[in-house]
Amino acid sequence: MSSDVEELGEGHSPAAWTAVIVSLLGIAIGTVAFVLDIQWLVWGGAGLAVVGFILGWVLARAGFGVNGSRTQHKEH
């Protein structure tokens, strides 16, 4: 059975991976800082999480997103 539906991908791109990894690192740092009651580091972790999403958006716009001009297309 053939399908004409185009597969959009599941975020498997350098931009998506970078956004998720940097944001998770920020969330982890913020969580540990919250438990240790280090308020400035909690806000630093939150800021890093936001920077991660912005970095992912910038990389996607630069061609490193799904089906971007600078990514390698793999045949499944």
C-alpha atoms as a PDB file:
ATOM      1  CA  MET A   1       0.000   0.000   0.000  1.00  0.00           C
ATOM      2  CA  SER A   2       1.482   3.304  -1.054  1.00  0.00           C
ATOM      3  CA  SER A   3       0.915   6.561   0.766  1.00  0.00           C
ATOM      4  CA  ASP A   4       1.246  10.065  -0.593  1.00  0.00           C
ATOM      5  CA  VAL A   5       1.703  11.524   2.875  1.00  0.00           C
ATOM      6  CA  GLU A   6       5.014  13.326   3.248  1.00  0.00           C
ATOM      7  CA  GLU A   7       6.950  12.409   6.366  1.00  0.00           C
ATOM      8  CA  LEU A   8       7.826  15.619   8.181  1.00  0.00           C
ATOM      9  CA  GLY A   9      10.298  14.021  10.561  1.00  0.00           C
ATOM     10  CA  GLU A  10      10.305  13.823  14.323  1.00  0.00           C
ATOM     11  CA  GLY A  11      12.802  16.529  15.129  1.00  0.00           C
ATOM     12  CA  HIS A  12      15.852  14.442  14.265  1.00  0.00           C
ATOM     13  CA  SER A  13      18.054  17.384  13.361  1.00  0.00           C
ATOM     14  CA  PRO A  14      21.083  19.153  14.812  1.00  0.00           C
ATOM     15  CA  ALA A  15      18.876  22.137  15.684  1.00  0.00           C
ATOM     16  CA  ALA A  16      16.363  20.026  17.599  1.00  0.00           C
ATOM     17  CA  TRP A  17      19.002  18.005  19.428  1.00  0.00           C
ATOM     18  CA  THR A  18      20.898  21.141  20.421  1.00  0.00           C
ATOM     19  CA  ALA A  19      17.740  22.835  21.701  1.00  0.00           C
ATOM     20  CA  VAL A  20      16.711  19.825  23.762  1.00  0.00           C
ATOM     21  CA  ILE A  21      20.157  19.095  25.234  1.00  0.00           C
ATOM     22  CA  VAL A  22      20.907  22.702  26.230  1.00  0.00           C
ATOM     23  CA  SER A  23      17.409  23.186  27.642  1.00  0.00           C
ATOM     24  CA  LEU A  24      17.540  19.945  29.633  1.00  0.00           C
ATOM     25  CA  LEU A  25      20.917  20.946  31.020  1.00  0.00           C
ATOM     26  CA  GLY A  26      19.447  24.275  32.126  1.00  0.00           C
ATOM     27  CA  ILE A  27      16.466  22.554  33.730  1.00  0.00           C
ATOM     28  CA  ALA A  28      18.724  20.072  35.545  1.00  0.00           C
ATOM     29  CA  ILE A  29      20.968  22.844  36.845  1.00  0.00           C
ATOM     30  CA  GLY A  30      17.953  24.874  37.951  1.00  0.00           C
ATOM     31  CA  THR A  31      16.413  21.889  39.717  1.00  0.00           C
ATOM     32  CA  VAL A  32      19.569  21.069  41.680  1.00  0.00           C
ATOM     33  CA  ALA A  33      20.038  24.740  42.537  1.00  0.00           C
ATOM     34  CA  PHE A  34      16.428  24.927  43.749  1.00  0.00           C
ATOM     35  CA  VAL A  35      16.978  21.971  46.081  1.00  0.00           C
ATOM     36  CA  LEU A  36      20.220  23.524  47.349  1.00  0.00           C
ATOM     37  CA  ASP A  37      18.494  26.932  47.731  1.00  0.00           C
ATOM     38  CA  ILE A  38      20.860  28.820  45.401  1.00  0.00           C
ATOM     39  CA  GLN A  39      18.440  31.356  43.952  1.00  0.00           C
ATOM     40  CA  TRP A  40      20.766  32.997  41.412  1.00  0.00           C
ATOM     41  CA  LEU A  41      21.628  29.595  39.940  1.00  0.00           C
ATOM     42  CA  VAL A  42      17.938  28.688  39.679  1.00  0.00           C
ATOM     43  CA  TRP A  43      17.437  31.749  37.482  1.00  0.00           C
ATOM     44  CA  GLY A  44      20.632  30.947  35.580  1.00  0.00           C
ATOM     45  CA  GLY A  45      19.302  27.466  34.830  1.00  0.00           C
ATOM     46  CA  ALA A  46      15.989  28.923  33.682  1.00  0.00           C
ATOM     47  CA  GLY A  47      17.863  31.362  31.459  1.00  0.00           C
ATOM     48  CA  LEU A  48      19.931  28.538  29.994  1.00  0.00           C
ATOM     49  CA  ALA A  49      16.744  26.623  29.171  1.00  0.00           C
ATOM     50  CA  VAL A  50      15.395  29.636  27.282  1.00  0.00           C
ATOM     51  CA  VAL A  51      18.744  30.093  25.502  1.00  0.00           C
ATOM     52  CA  GLY A  52      18.528  26.449  24.401  1.00  0.00           C
ATOM     53  CA  PHE A  53      15.202  26.990  22.654  1.00  0.00           C
ATOM     54  CA  ILE A  54      16.429  30.216  21.047  1.00  0.00           C
ATOM     55  CA  LEU A  55      19.587  28.438  19.893  1.00  0.00           C
ATOM     56  CA  GLY A  56      17.495  25.663  18.340  1.00  0.00           C
ATOM     57  CA  TRP A  57      15.372  28.225  16.489  1.00  0.00           C
ATOM     58  CA  VAL A  58      18.479  30.056  15.217  1.00  0.00           C
ATOM     59  CA  LEU A  59      20.051  26.790  14.031  1.00  0.00           C
ATOM     60  CA  ALA A  60      16.825  25.776  12.278  1.00  0.00           C
ATOM     61  CA  ARG A  61      16.713  29.125  10.489  1.00  0.00           C
ATOM     62  CA  ALA A  62      20.382  28.635   9.499  1.00  0.00           C
ATOM     63  CA  GLY A  63      19.501  25.366   7.721  1.00  0.00           C
ATOM     64  CA  PHE A  64      20.196  22.783  10.430  1.00  0.00           C
ATOM     65  CA  GLY A  65      16.536  21.889  11.044  1.00  0.00           C
ATOM     66  CA  VAL A  66      14.514  18.995   9.669  1.00  0.00           C
ATOM     67  CA  ASN A  67      14.916  18.993   5.873  1.00  0.00           C
ATOM     68  CA  GLY A  68      17.259  21.967   6.183  1.00  0.00           C
ATOM     69  CA  SER A  69      19.750  22.888   3.514  1.00  0.00           C
ATOM     70  CA  ARG A  70      22.712  21.909   5.702  1.00  0.00           C
ATOM     71  CA  THR A  71      21.488  18.532   6.953  1.00  0.00           C
ATOM     72  CA  GLN A  72      22.097  15.144   5.416  1.00  0.00           C
ATOM     73  CA  HIS A  73      18.974  13.428   4.159  1.00  0.00           C
ATOM     74  CA  LYS A  74      18.760   9.727   5.020  1.00  0.00           C
ATOM     75  CA  GLU A  75      16.768   7.202   3.063  1.00  0.00           C
ATOM     76  CA  HIS A  76      14.620   4.889   5.165  1.00  0.00           C
END
